[in-house]
Each structure stands twice: as structure tokens, then as C-alpha cells.
């Protein structure tokens, strides 16, 4: 019986190895430096390269922000104590690095009855350890579904300056380059730009969706990007486009914009817990950290 089991295990291992080796594609591969390279199709479409994701496109290290306020746990509900500390730091001016400062929460148990709101950029919440017994512990105590820490930026994007039309008849999927009318005189390196894809009725007809009430204006697509290189009418942005802009079916344009989104915020080195009545209970703290409208 032992021999049979060993043979079966070996057979299973070989099957898994064969299956793993079979997971290959011609669309992506390692180059000579060990980095991923992407193969384009005849129209230039490729898998999007999102290797830049992370704090500031992973181009700089995550900073250690200086402490500007220290908070200690209090008996009973800590919600007001925590929220007041955040509000005080929110009233401070941001430095040249975009940070107002870090709030250090000393070790201990912080019982929290409601959502803690962070609505101002440049604030970092820092604990003194993730240990659930001796570290900085935040406990959602109310038996209902609510968020413990909510980082909430404002909604709405304000376009600024002149809208410029894209010159490319076809902007491929996965591309981060495009040509724009009067690009060098309108935009500069580092500008935040809004790239629009506005479909027309040809696109609706191609999908045969007019019968279901689809209208072009309901499917406008917008990409928020930053210009990383510019030359003449051509520029490169910091992230790929994940939709095709084909002039047979859509119109493309670019404009600068300002965003009220939250940025330069963080939460680190703490344990986030919730009270609950049973393993199957649904009424308890729901999200530990929620981030909306943030860069």
C-alpha cells in the first residue's frame, strides 16, 4: 500500500509539473535582463504593463513621515479622541513633500464605535506594532457593518486649458503613447492629463446594441494619466490605456485637469480588529480600511 501511494504521488507531481510548464503564451516573455517584454499584434495591441504600480509609480521609496502628534488610548470609546487628533493635523499646512505629518498611536487598545474619517491629504496614521496583545490595536466595537478607517477624497475632476484632439487613427490597447495636436505648446512634462475616448453610433452598431437601448454618450471612457515624456506632438504617459481608440468608432482627445483626490496618506504598523458575537455573525466591523477617490 505504501508503494502504491508513493507511485501515485509521483504520478500526480509529474502531472502538475507538465501542467505548470504548459502555461505559456507568445504574448509575454522574459527578456535578457530578466524583465517582462510584451509582444504586440499587427495593430500594436499588447498586454498592459502595470509593473509601475505602487507608491509614486514605485519610482521612489515609501517615506518615513515625521510624527507631529502622539495619541494614547483612553478608557471606553476612543472615536472622538482619534478623530480630533486627525482633525488637528488636517488643519496643519502641508510641507513641500506633500505631507502634514504622522500621528503616532502608542501601544494599547483603542475601542472605536464608529468610522474614523480621513478627508485631508498628507496624513499618515502609525502604530507601534501589529501584535494583537501588546501592539497598537484598534477594535471596532459596534455590532454593525461599518468601516473602521475611511480615507475619502472629494469627487469631481476639473478640466483645465484647451482640449486637444488625438492625431492617431488607432491607439492600441496597452499603449501609453499618443500624438496630440499642438502637444508641445499645450502640455509639459509632469502634467496631469485626462485622455477621453468618446464612442459614436458606429461602435454601438458594431456591437449590435442599439436594440437594447445603448447610446454612445453612456459609454465615454476617461483615463487619468501623467505625462512622463514629450517631444513635438508626441507624448508618453505613466500608465497604459486599457481601451482602444479607433477613429472608425470613437474620437480621442486630451486635456489637462485638476483633481481633488486624496494623496500622500498612509496607515501602518497596527492591528485592526472587530468584535463579533459568533463565527457566523454578519453584524460587526466590515472593512478595516477603505480608500475612495485617492491617488
C-alpha atoms as a PDB file:
ATOM      1  CA  UNK A   1       0.000   0.000   0.000  1.00  0.00           C
ATOM      2  CA  UNK A   2       2.867   2.313   0.786  1.00  0.00           C
ATOM      3  CA  UNK A   3       4.499   1.689  -2.614  1.00  0.00           C
ATOM      4  CA  UNK A   4       1.221   2.350  -4.401  1.00  0.00           C
ATOM      5  CA  UNK A   5       0.805   5.642  -2.559  1.00  0.00           C
ATOM      6  CA  UNK A   6       4.334   6.750  -3.447  1.00  0.00           C
ATOM      7  CA  UNK A   7       3.785   5.867  -7.096  1.00  0.00           C
ATOM      8  CA  UNK A   8       0.501   7.754  -7.130  1.00  0.00           C
ATOM      9  CA  UNK A   9       2.134  10.812  -5.538  1.00  0.00           C
ATOM     10  CA  UNK A  10       4.961  10.743  -8.109  1.00  0.00           C
ATOM     11  CA  UNK A  11       2.441  10.461 -10.964  1.00  0.00           C
ATOM     12  CA  UNK A  12       0.445  13.392  -9.548  1.00  0.00           C
ATOM     13  CA  UNK A  13       3.608  15.510  -9.194  1.00  0.00           C
ATOM     14  CA  UNK A  14       4.577  14.842 -12.808  1.00  0.00           C
ATOM     15  CA  UNK A  15       1.084  15.815 -13.970  1.00  0.00           C
ATOM     16  CA  UNK A  16       1.290  19.088 -12.031  1.00  0.00           C
ATOM     17  CA  UNK A  17       4.764  19.790 -13.454  1.00  0.00           C
ATOM     18  CA  UNK A  18       3.567  19.164 -17.011  1.00  0.00           C
ATOM     19  CA  UNK A  19       0.522  21.368 -16.405  1.00  0.00           C
ATOM     20  CA  UNK A  20       2.662  24.211 -14.999  1.00  0.00           C
ATOM     21  CA  UNK A  21       5.087  24.031 -17.905  1.00  0.00           C
ATOM     22  CA  UNK A  22       2.146  24.152 -20.309  1.00  0.00           C
ATOM     23  CA  UNK A  23       1.066  27.610 -19.050  1.00  0.00           C
ATOM     24  CA  UNK A  24       2.946  29.618 -21.663  1.00  0.00           C
ATOM     25  CA  UNK A  25       1.984  32.349 -24.099  1.00  0.00           C
ATOM     26  CA  UNK A  26       3.571  34.143 -27.020  1.00  0.00           C
ATOM     27  CA  UNK A  27       2.193  37.475 -25.746  1.00  0.00           C
ATOM     28  CA  UNK A  28       4.670  37.922 -22.896  1.00  0.00           C
ATOM     29  CA  UNK A  29       8.167  36.645 -22.082  1.00  0.00           C
ATOM     30  CA  UNK A  30      11.308  37.419 -20.093  1.00  0.00           C
ATOM     31  CA  UNK A  31      13.960  39.469 -21.887  1.00  0.00           C
ATOM     32  CA  UNK A  32      17.735  39.049 -21.477  1.00  0.00           C
ATOM     33  CA  UNK A  33      17.730  41.254 -18.352  1.00  0.00           C
ATOM     34  CA  UNK A  34      15.042  39.176 -16.652  1.00  0.00           C
ATOM     35  CA  UNK A  35      12.279  41.731 -17.168  1.00  0.00           C
ATOM     36  CA  UNK A  36       8.952  41.087 -18.863  1.00  0.00           C
ATOM     37  CA  UNK A  37       8.661  42.021 -22.523  1.00  0.00           C
ATOM     38  CA  UNK A  38       5.367  42.256 -24.363  1.00  0.00           C
ATOM     39  CA  UNK A  39       4.617  41.130 -27.888  1.00  0.00           C
ATOM     40  CA  UNK A  40       2.391  43.400 -29.970  1.00  0.00           C
ATOM     41  CA  UNK A  41      -0.101  42.166 -32.528  1.00  0.00           C
ATOM     42  CA  UNK A  42      -0.354  43.529 -36.065  1.00  0.00           C
ATOM     43  CA  UNK A  43      -2.212  46.626 -34.816  1.00  0.00           C
ATOM     44  CA  UNK A  44       0.092  47.296 -31.882  1.00  0.00           C
ATOM     45  CA  UNK A  45      -2.181  45.902 -29.164  1.00  0.00           C
ATOM     46  CA  UNK A  46      -0.405  44.264 -26.233  1.00  0.00           C
ATOM     47  CA  UNK A  47      -0.974  43.142 -22.677  1.00  0.00           C
ATOM     48  CA  UNK A  48      -0.843  46.241 -20.439  1.00  0.00           C
ATOM     49  CA  UNK A  49       2.375  46.706 -18.462  1.00  0.00           C
ATOM     50  CA  UNK A  50       1.425  47.626 -14.905  1.00  0.00           C
ATOM     51  CA  UNK A  51       4.853  46.950 -13.399  1.00  0.00           C
ATOM     52  CA  UNK A  52       4.974  50.592 -12.303  1.00  0.00           C
ATOM     53  CA  UNK A  53       2.231  50.192  -9.687  1.00  0.00           C
ATOM     54  CA  UNK A  54       2.969  51.297  -6.142  1.00  0.00           C
ATOM     55  CA  UNK A  55       3.771  54.485  -4.268  1.00  0.00           C
ATOM     56  CA  UNK A  56       4.582  57.186  -6.845  1.00  0.00           C
ATOM     57  CA  UNK A  57       4.852  54.562  -9.600  1.00  0.00           C
ATOM     58  CA  UNK A  58       7.415  52.669  -7.477  1.00  0.00           C
ATOM     59  CA  UNK A  59       9.998  55.243  -8.561  1.00  0.00           C
ATOM     60  CA  UNK A  60      10.809  56.324  -5.001  1.00  0.00           C
ATOM     61  CA  UNK A  61      10.874  54.564  -1.640  1.00  0.00           C
ATOM     62  CA  UNK A  62       7.873  54.880   0.685  1.00  0.00           C
ATOM     63  CA  UNK A  63       8.916  57.677   3.080  1.00  0.00           C
ATOM     64  CA  UNK A  64       9.060  57.631   6.858  1.00  0.00           C
ATOM     65  CA  UNK A  65       6.995  60.708   7.699  1.00  0.00           C
ATOM     66  CA  UNK A  66       7.873  62.710  10.824  1.00  0.00           C
ATOM     67  CA  UNK A  67       5.500  62.448  13.805  1.00  0.00           C
ATOM     68  CA  UNK A  68       3.605  65.670  14.543  1.00  0.00           C
ATOM     69  CA  UNK A  69       1.133  64.329  17.103  1.00  0.00           C
ATOM     70  CA  UNK A  70       1.062  61.444  19.594  1.00  0.00           C
ATOM     71  CA  UNK A  71      -2.129  59.764  20.824  1.00  0.00           C
ATOM     72  CA  UNK A  72      -2.633  57.406  23.771  1.00  0.00           C
ATOM     73  CA  UNK A  73      -5.611  55.069  24.261  1.00  0.00           C
ATOM     74  CA  UNK A  74      -8.339  56.153  26.694  1.00  0.00           C
ATOM     75  CA  UNK A  75     -10.912  54.134  28.622  1.00  0.00           C
ATOM     76  CA  UNK A  76     -14.151  53.462  26.778  1.00  0.00           C
ATOM     77  CA  UNK A  77     -14.818  54.714  23.261  1.00  0.00           C
ATOM     78  CA  UNK A  78     -11.766  56.252  21.544  1.00  0.00           C
ATOM     79  CA  UNK A  79     -13.568  57.508  18.439  1.00  0.00           C
ATOM     80  CA  UNK A  80     -13.673  61.207  19.415  1.00  0.00           C
ATOM     81  CA  UNK A  81     -10.097  61.115  20.725  1.00  0.00           C
ATOM     82  CA  UNK A  82      -8.811  59.702  17.413  1.00  0.00           C
ATOM     83  CA  UNK A  83     -10.962  61.852  15.140  1.00  0.00           C
ATOM     84  CA  UNK A  84      -9.981  65.051  16.999  1.00  0.00           C
ATOM     85  CA  UNK A  85      -6.290  64.210  16.551  1.00  0.00           C
ATOM     86  CA  UNK A  86      -6.808  63.675  12.813  1.00  0.00           C
ATOM     87  CA  UNK A  87      -8.745  66.942  12.508  1.00  0.00           C
ATOM     88  CA  UNK A  88      -5.940  68.841  14.256  1.00  0.00           C
ATOM     89  CA  UNK A  89      -3.308  67.503  11.873  1.00  0.00           C
ATOM     90  CA  UNK A  90      -5.630  68.156   8.915  1.00  0.00           C
ATOM     91  CA  UNK A  91      -5.592  71.846   9.897  1.00  0.00           C
ATOM     92  CA  UNK A  92      -1.777  71.968   9.687  1.00  0.00           C
ATOM     93  CA  UNK A  93      -0.111  73.164   6.473  1.00  0.00           C
ATOM     94  CA  UNK A  94       1.362  70.546   4.160  1.00  0.00           C
ATOM     95  CA  UNK A  95       5.117  70.558   3.688  1.00  0.00           C
ATOM     96  CA  UNK A  96       6.934  70.753   0.372  1.00  0.00           C
ATOM     97  CA  UNK A  97       6.852  66.938   0.317  1.00  0.00           C
ATOM     98  CA  UNK A  98       3.044  66.983   0.414  1.00  0.00           C
ATOM     99  CA  UNK A  99       2.787  65.619   3.977  1.00  0.00           C
ATOM    100  CA  UNK A 100       1.269  67.275   7.018  1.00  0.00           C
ATOM    101  CA  UNK A 101       2.779  64.628   9.254  1.00  0.00           C
ATOM    102  CA  UNK A 102       2.263  61.323  11.009  1.00  0.00           C
ATOM    103  CA  UNK A 103       0.065  60.654  14.023  1.00  0.00           C
ATOM    104  CA  UNK A 104       1.696  58.117  16.334  1.00  0.00           C
ATOM    105  CA  UNK A 105      -0.745  55.881  18.196  1.00  0.00           C
ATOM    106  CA  UNK A 106       1.015  54.413  21.208  1.00  0.00           C
ATOM    107  CA  UNK A 107       0.660  50.766  22.156  1.00  0.00           C
ATOM    108  CA  UNK A 108      -2.648  49.800  23.693  1.00  0.00           C
ATOM    109  CA  UNK A 109      -6.282  49.031  22.913  1.00  0.00           C
ATOM    110  CA  UNK A 110      -8.366  51.655  21.119  1.00  0.00           C
ATOM    111  CA  UNK A 111     -12.064  50.785  21.193  1.00  0.00           C
ATOM    112  CA  UNK A 112     -13.816  52.510  18.275  1.00  0.00           C
ATOM    113  CA  UNK A 113     -17.608  52.743  17.910  1.00  0.00           C
ATOM    114  CA  UNK A 114     -17.839  54.451  14.503  1.00  0.00           C
ATOM    115  CA  UNK A 115     -15.944  55.153  11.278  1.00  0.00           C
ATOM    116  CA  UNK A 116     -12.764  57.237  11.561  1.00  0.00           C
ATOM    117  CA  UNK A 117     -12.648  59.713   8.676  1.00  0.00           C
ATOM    118  CA  UNK A 118      -9.508  60.948   6.907  1.00  0.00           C
ATOM    119  CA  UNK A 119     -10.534  63.529   4.303  1.00  0.00           C
ATOM    120  CA  UNK A 120      -7.368  65.626   4.033  1.00  0.00           C
ATOM    121  CA  UNK A 121      -4.203  64.794   2.109  1.00  0.00           C
ATOM    122  CA  UNK A 122      -0.816  64.365   3.747  1.00  0.00           C
ATOM    123  CA  UNK A 123      -1.797  62.431   6.897  1.00  0.00           C
ATOM    124  CA  UNK A 124      -0.185  59.162   7.987  1.00  0.00           C
ATOM    125  CA  UNK A 125      -1.575  57.019  10.820  1.00  0.00           C
ATOM    126  CA  UNK A 126       1.161  54.983  12.524  1.00  0.00           C
ATOM    127  CA  UNK A 127       1.041  52.387  15.275  1.00  0.00           C
ATOM    128  CA  UNK A 128       3.731  50.794  17.413  1.00  0.00           C
ATOM    129  CA  UNK A 129       3.240  47.204  16.325  1.00  0.00           C
ATOM    130  CA  UNK A 130       0.779  44.698  14.885  1.00  0.00           C
ATOM    131  CA  UNK A 131       0.824  42.297  17.828  1.00  0.00           C
ATOM    132  CA  UNK A 132      -2.796  41.656  18.842  1.00  0.00           C
ATOM    133  CA  UNK A 133      -1.897  41.543  22.536  1.00  0.00           C
ATOM    134  CA  UNK A 134       0.887  44.090  23.041  1.00  0.00           C
ATOM    135  CA  UNK A 135       0.799  46.242  19.900  1.00  0.00           C
ATOM    136  CA  UNK A 136      -1.381  49.154  18.765  1.00  0.00           C
ATOM    137  CA  UNK A 137      -4.837  47.597  18.470  1.00  0.00           C
ATOM    138  CA  UNK A 138      -7.939  49.253  17.048  1.00  0.00           C
ATOM    139  CA  UNK A 139     -11.141  47.362  17.891  1.00  0.00           C
ATOM    140  CA  UNK A 140     -14.405  48.026  16.035  1.00  0.00           C
ATOM    141  CA  UNK A 141     -16.893  47.573  18.883  1.00  0.00           C
ATOM    142  CA  UNK A 142     -20.283  48.345  17.292  1.00  0.00           C
ATOM    143  CA  UNK A 143     -22.133  45.259  16.100  1.00  0.00           C
ATOM    144  CA  UNK A 144     -22.999  46.555  12.645  1.00  0.00           C
ATOM    145  CA  UNK A 145     -21.336  46.597   9.237  1.00  0.00           C
ATOM    146  CA  UNK A 146     -19.127  49.691   9.102  1.00  0.00           C
ATOM    147  CA  UNK A 147     -15.670  50.786   8.001  1.00  0.00           C
ATOM    148  CA  UNK A 148     -13.034  51.349  10.670  1.00  0.00           C
ATOM    149  CA  UNK A 149     -10.744  53.761   8.732  1.00  0.00           C
ATOM    150  CA  UNK A 150     -12.161  55.623   5.743  1.00  0.00           C
ATOM    151  CA  UNK A 151      -9.768  57.623   3.540  1.00  0.00           C
ATOM    152  CA  UNK A 152     -12.146  59.739   1.466  1.00  0.00           C
ATOM    153  CA  UNK A 153     -11.168  62.229  -1.236  1.00  0.00           C
ATOM    154  CA  UNK A 154     -13.555  64.618  -2.913  1.00  0.00           C
ATOM    155  CA  UNK A 155     -15.291  63.698  -6.148  1.00  0.00           C
ATOM    156  CA  UNK A 156     -15.139  65.592  -9.386  1.00  0.00           C
ATOM    157  CA  UNK A 157     -12.400  66.322 -11.908  1.00  0.00           C
ATOM    158  CA  UNK A 158     -11.946  69.878 -13.145  1.00  0.00           C
ATOM    159  CA  UNK A 159     -10.622  70.060 -16.738  1.00  0.00           C
ATOM    160  CA  UNK A 160      -8.281  72.998 -17.320  1.00  0.00           C
ATOM    161  CA  UNK A 161      -6.947  74.545 -20.502  1.00  0.00           C
ATOM    162  CA  UNK A 162      -7.708  73.638 -24.090  1.00  0.00           C
ATOM    163  CA  UNK A 163      -8.865  70.224 -25.224  1.00  0.00           C
ATOM    164  CA  UNK A 164      -6.658  68.781 -27.956  1.00  0.00           C
ATOM    165  CA  UNK A 165      -7.622  66.058 -30.445  1.00  0.00           C
ATOM    166  CA  UNK A 166      -5.557  62.905 -30.759  1.00  0.00           C
ATOM    167  CA  UNK A 167      -3.891  62.508 -34.155  1.00  0.00           C
ATOM    168  CA  UNK A 168      -3.565  58.726 -34.216  1.00  0.00           C
ATOM    169  CA  UNK A 169      -6.196  56.890 -36.289  1.00  0.00           C
ATOM    170  CA  UNK A 170      -5.727  53.912 -33.958  1.00  0.00           C
ATOM    171  CA  UNK A 171      -4.397  53.965 -30.366  1.00  0.00           C
ATOM    172  CA  UNK A 172      -3.785  50.339 -29.375  1.00  0.00           C
ATOM    173  CA  UNK A 173      -4.798  48.527 -26.237  1.00  0.00           C
ATOM    174  CA  UNK A 174      -1.909  48.516 -23.754  1.00  0.00           C
ATOM    175  CA  UNK A 175      -0.170  51.523 -25.324  1.00  0.00           C
ATOM    176  CA  UNK A 176       1.000  54.508 -23.287  1.00  0.00           C
ATOM    177  CA  UNK A 177       1.957  56.751 -26.207  1.00  0.00           C
ATOM    178  CA  UNK A 178      -0.108  59.050 -28.404  1.00  0.00           C
ATOM    179  CA  UNK A 179       0.126  62.036 -30.713  1.00  0.00           C
ATOM    180  CA  UNK A 180      -1.871  65.164 -29.986  1.00  0.00           C
ATOM    181  CA  UNK A 181      -2.499  68.412 -31.844  1.00  0.00           C
ATOM    182  CA  UNK A 182      -0.072  71.146 -30.634  1.00  0.00           C
ATOM    183  CA  UNK A 183       1.150  68.904 -27.819  1.00  0.00           C
ATOM    184  CA  UNK A 184       4.434  70.682 -27.033  1.00  0.00           C
ATOM    185  CA  UNK A 185       2.782  74.116 -26.918  1.00  0.00           C
ATOM    186  CA  UNK A 186      -0.154  72.933 -24.789  1.00  0.00           C
ATOM    187  CA  UNK A 187       1.334  70.368 -22.407  1.00  0.00           C
ATOM    188  CA  UNK A 188       4.532  69.943 -20.451  1.00  0.00           C
ATOM    189  CA  UNK A 189       6.361  67.178 -18.625  1.00  0.00           C
ATOM    190  CA  UNK A 190       4.557  66.170 -15.427  1.00  0.00           C
ATOM    191  CA  UNK A 191       1.124  67.497 -16.438  1.00  0.00           C
ATOM    192  CA  UNK A 192      -1.904  65.558 -15.247  1.00  0.00           C
ATOM    193  CA  UNK A 193      -3.998  64.837 -18.328  1.00  0.00           C
ATOM    194  CA  UNK A 194      -7.396  63.369 -18.988  1.00  0.00           C
ATOM    195  CA  UNK A 195      -7.486  61.181 -22.102  1.00  0.00           C
ATOM    196  CA  UNK A 196     -11.020  60.733 -23.451  1.00  0.00           C
ATOM    197  CA  UNK A 197     -12.477  58.018 -25.636  1.00  0.00           C
ATOM    198  CA  UNK A 198     -15.850  59.189 -26.934  1.00  0.00           C
ATOM    199  CA  UNK A 199     -17.612  56.432 -28.942  1.00  0.00           C
ATOM    200  CA  UNK A 200     -20.055  57.090 -31.760  1.00  0.00           C
ATOM    201  CA  UNK A 201     -23.053  55.256 -33.214  1.00  0.00           C
ATOM    202  CA  UNK A 202     -20.765  53.119 -35.421  1.00  0.00           C
ATOM    203  CA  UNK A 203     -19.418  51.483 -32.261  1.00  0.00           C
ATOM    204  CA  UNK A 204     -22.929  50.843 -30.960  1.00  0.00           C
ATOM    205  CA  UNK A 205     -23.918  49.331 -34.306  1.00  0.00           C
ATOM    206  CA  UNK A 206     -20.775  47.185 -34.436  1.00  0.00           C
ATOM    207  CA  UNK A 207     -21.815  45.641 -31.121  1.00  0.00           C
ATOM    208  CA  UNK A 208     -25.464  45.429 -32.295  1.00  0.00           C
ATOM    209  CA  UNK A 209     -26.507  47.030 -29.011  1.00  0.00           C
ATOM    210  CA  UNK A 210     -28.781  49.808 -30.286  1.00  0.00           C
ATOM    211  CA  UNK A 211     -31.677  47.360 -29.974  1.00  0.00           C
ATOM    212  CA  UNK A 212     -31.002  47.245 -26.240  1.00  0.00           C
ATOM    213  CA  UNK A 213     -31.065  50.997 -25.837  1.00  0.00           C
ATOM    214  CA  UNK A 214     -27.324  51.651 -25.790  1.00  0.00           C
ATOM    215  CA  UNK A 215     -26.323  55.241 -26.604  1.00  0.00           C
ATOM    216  CA  UNK A 216     -22.768  56.455 -27.284  1.00  0.00           C
ATOM    217  CA  UNK A 217     -22.713  59.089 -24.534  1.00  0.00           C
ATOM    218  CA  UNK A 218     -23.367  56.427 -21.896  1.00  0.00           C
ATOM    219  CA  UNK A 219     -20.049  54.733 -22.676  1.00  0.00           C
ATOM    220  CA  UNK A 220     -17.484  57.527 -22.662  1.00  0.00           C
ATOM    221  CA  UNK A 221     -14.163  56.359 -21.217  1.00  0.00           C
ATOM    222  CA  UNK A 222     -11.700  58.610 -19.368  1.00  0.00           C
ATOM    223  CA  UNK A 223      -8.110  57.844 -18.397  1.00  0.00           C
ATOM    224  CA  UNK A 224      -6.345  59.920 -15.744  1.00  0.00           C
ATOM    225  CA  UNK A 225      -2.652  59.951 -16.605  1.00  0.00           C
ATOM    226  CA  UNK A 226       0.589  61.931 -16.089  1.00  0.00           C
ATOM    227  CA  UNK A 227       2.919  62.960 -18.905  1.00  0.00           C
ATOM    228  CA  UNK A 228       6.345  61.340 -18.464  1.00  0.00           C
ATOM    229  CA  UNK A 229       7.922  62.310 -21.802  1.00  0.00           C
ATOM    230  CA  UNK A 230       7.051  64.787 -24.533  1.00  0.00           C
ATOM    231  CA  UNK A 231       8.518  65.613 -27.926  1.00  0.00           C
ATOM    232  CA  UNK A 232       6.753  67.637 -30.599  1.00  0.00           C
ATOM    233  CA  UNK A 233       3.209  66.328 -30.915  1.00  0.00           C
ATOM    234  CA  UNK A 234       4.036  63.015 -29.241  1.00  0.00           C
ATOM    235  CA  UNK A 235       3.958  62.210 -25.562  1.00  0.00           C
ATOM    236  CA  UNK A 236       4.161  59.252 -23.214  1.00  0.00           C
ATOM    237  CA  UNK A 237       2.052  58.781 -20.081  1.00  0.00           C
ATOM    238  CA  UNK A 238       2.702  56.887 -16.872  1.00  0.00           C
ATOM    239  CA  UNK A 239       0.203  54.045 -17.367  1.00  0.00           C
ATOM    240  CA  UNK A 240      -1.173  52.136 -20.367  1.00  0.00           C
ATOM    241  CA  UNK A 241      -4.594  52.642 -21.896  1.00  0.00           C
ATOM    242  CA  UNK A 242      -6.941  49.711 -21.411  1.00  0.00           C
ATOM    243  CA  UNK A 243      -9.282  50.521 -24.250  1.00  0.00           C
ATOM    244  CA  UNK A 244      -8.732  51.009 -27.981  1.00  0.00           C
ATOM    245  CA  UNK A 245      -9.297  54.448 -29.502  1.00  0.00           C
ATOM    246  CA  UNK A 246     -10.151  53.715 -33.134  1.00  0.00           C
ATOM    247  CA  UNK A 247     -11.342  56.683 -35.188  1.00  0.00           C
ATOM    248  CA  UNK A 248     -13.727  54.395 -37.069  1.00  0.00           C
ATOM    249  CA  UNK A 249     -15.710  54.057 -33.852  1.00  0.00           C
ATOM    250  CA  UNK A 250     -14.617  56.789 -31.447  1.00  0.00           C
ATOM    251  CA  UNK A 251     -12.999  60.198 -31.065  1.00  0.00           C
ATOM    252  CA  UNK A 252      -9.991  60.746 -28.810  1.00  0.00           C
ATOM    253  CA  UNK A 253      -8.943  63.931 -27.045  1.00  0.00           C
ATOM    254  CA  UNK A 254      -6.644  65.107 -24.263  1.00  0.00           C
ATOM    255  CA  UNK A 255      -6.868  67.940 -21.745  1.00  0.00           C
ATOM    256  CA  UNK A 256      -5.164  68.957 -18.516  1.00  0.00           C
ATOM    257  CA  UNK A 257      -7.121  68.562 -15.303  1.00  0.00           C
ATOM    258  CA  UNK A 258      -7.065  69.154 -11.566  1.00  0.00           C
ATOM    259  CA  UNK A 259      -8.323  66.550  -9.149  1.00  0.00           C
ATOM    260  CA  UNK A 260      -9.481  66.909  -5.519  1.00  0.00           C
ATOM    261  CA  UNK A 261      -8.449  63.308  -4.883  1.00  0.00           C
ATOM    262  CA  UNK A 262      -6.727  62.419  -1.639  1.00  0.00           C
ATOM    263  CA  UNK A 263      -2.975  61.794  -1.797  1.00  0.00           C
ATOM    264  CA  UNK A 264       0.106  61.282   0.387  1.00  0.00           C
ATOM    265  CA  UNK A 265      -1.825  59.400   3.076  1.00  0.00           C
ATOM    266  CA  UNK A 266      -0.989  56.140   4.797  1.00  0.00           C
ATOM    267  CA  UNK A 267      -1.741  53.719   7.594  1.00  0.00           C
ATOM    268  CA  UNK A 268       0.916  51.448   9.064  1.00  0.00           C
ATOM    269  CA  UNK A 269       2.123  49.139  11.835  1.00  0.00           C
ATOM    270  CA  UNK A 270      -1.078  48.403  13.769  1.00  0.00           C
ATOM    271  CA  UNK A 271      -3.622  45.611  14.304  1.00  0.00           C
ATOM    272  CA  UNK A 272      -7.202  46.225  13.147  1.00  0.00           C
ATOM    273  CA  UNK A 273      -9.778  44.033  14.884  1.00  0.00           C
ATOM    274  CA  UNK A 274     -13.533  43.689  15.271  1.00  0.00           C
ATOM    275  CA  UNK A 275     -15.877  42.483  17.972  1.00  0.00           C
ATOM    276  CA  UNK A 276     -18.400  39.822  16.908  1.00  0.00           C
ATOM    277  CA  UNK A 277     -20.935  37.544  18.545  1.00  0.00           C
ATOM    278  CA  UNK A 278     -20.276  34.281  16.670  1.00  0.00           C
ATOM    279  CA  UNK A 279     -18.323  32.794  13.766  1.00  0.00           C
ATOM    280  CA  UNK A 280     -21.353  33.149  11.516  1.00  0.00           C
ATOM    281  CA  UNK A 281     -22.410  36.649  12.631  1.00  0.00           C
ATOM    282  CA  UNK A 282     -22.731  39.275   9.897  1.00  0.00           C
ATOM    283  CA  UNK A 283     -23.111  42.337  12.120  1.00  0.00           C
ATOM    284  CA  UNK A 284     -19.631  43.546  13.015  1.00  0.00           C
ATOM    285  CA  UNK A 285     -16.908  45.835  11.692  1.00  0.00           C
ATOM    286  CA  UNK A 286     -16.883  45.236   7.921  1.00  0.00           C
ATOM    287  CA  UNK A 287     -13.955  46.995   6.228  1.00  0.00           C
ATOM    288  CA  UNK A 288     -10.725  47.622   8.102  1.00  0.00           C
ATOM    289  CA  UNK A 289      -9.520  50.298   5.651  1.00  0.00           C
ATOM    290  CA  UNK A 290     -11.473  51.828   2.771  1.00  0.00           C
ATOM    291  CA  UNK A 291      -9.925  54.244   0.262  1.00  0.00           C
ATOM    292  CA  UNK A 292     -12.052  56.269  -2.172  1.00  0.00           C
ATOM    293  CA  UNK A 293     -11.072  58.980  -4.670  1.00  0.00           C
ATOM    294  CA  UNK A 294      -7.368  58.765  -3.927  1.00  0.00           C
ATOM    295  CA  UNK A 295      -4.160  58.929  -5.930  1.00  0.00           C
END
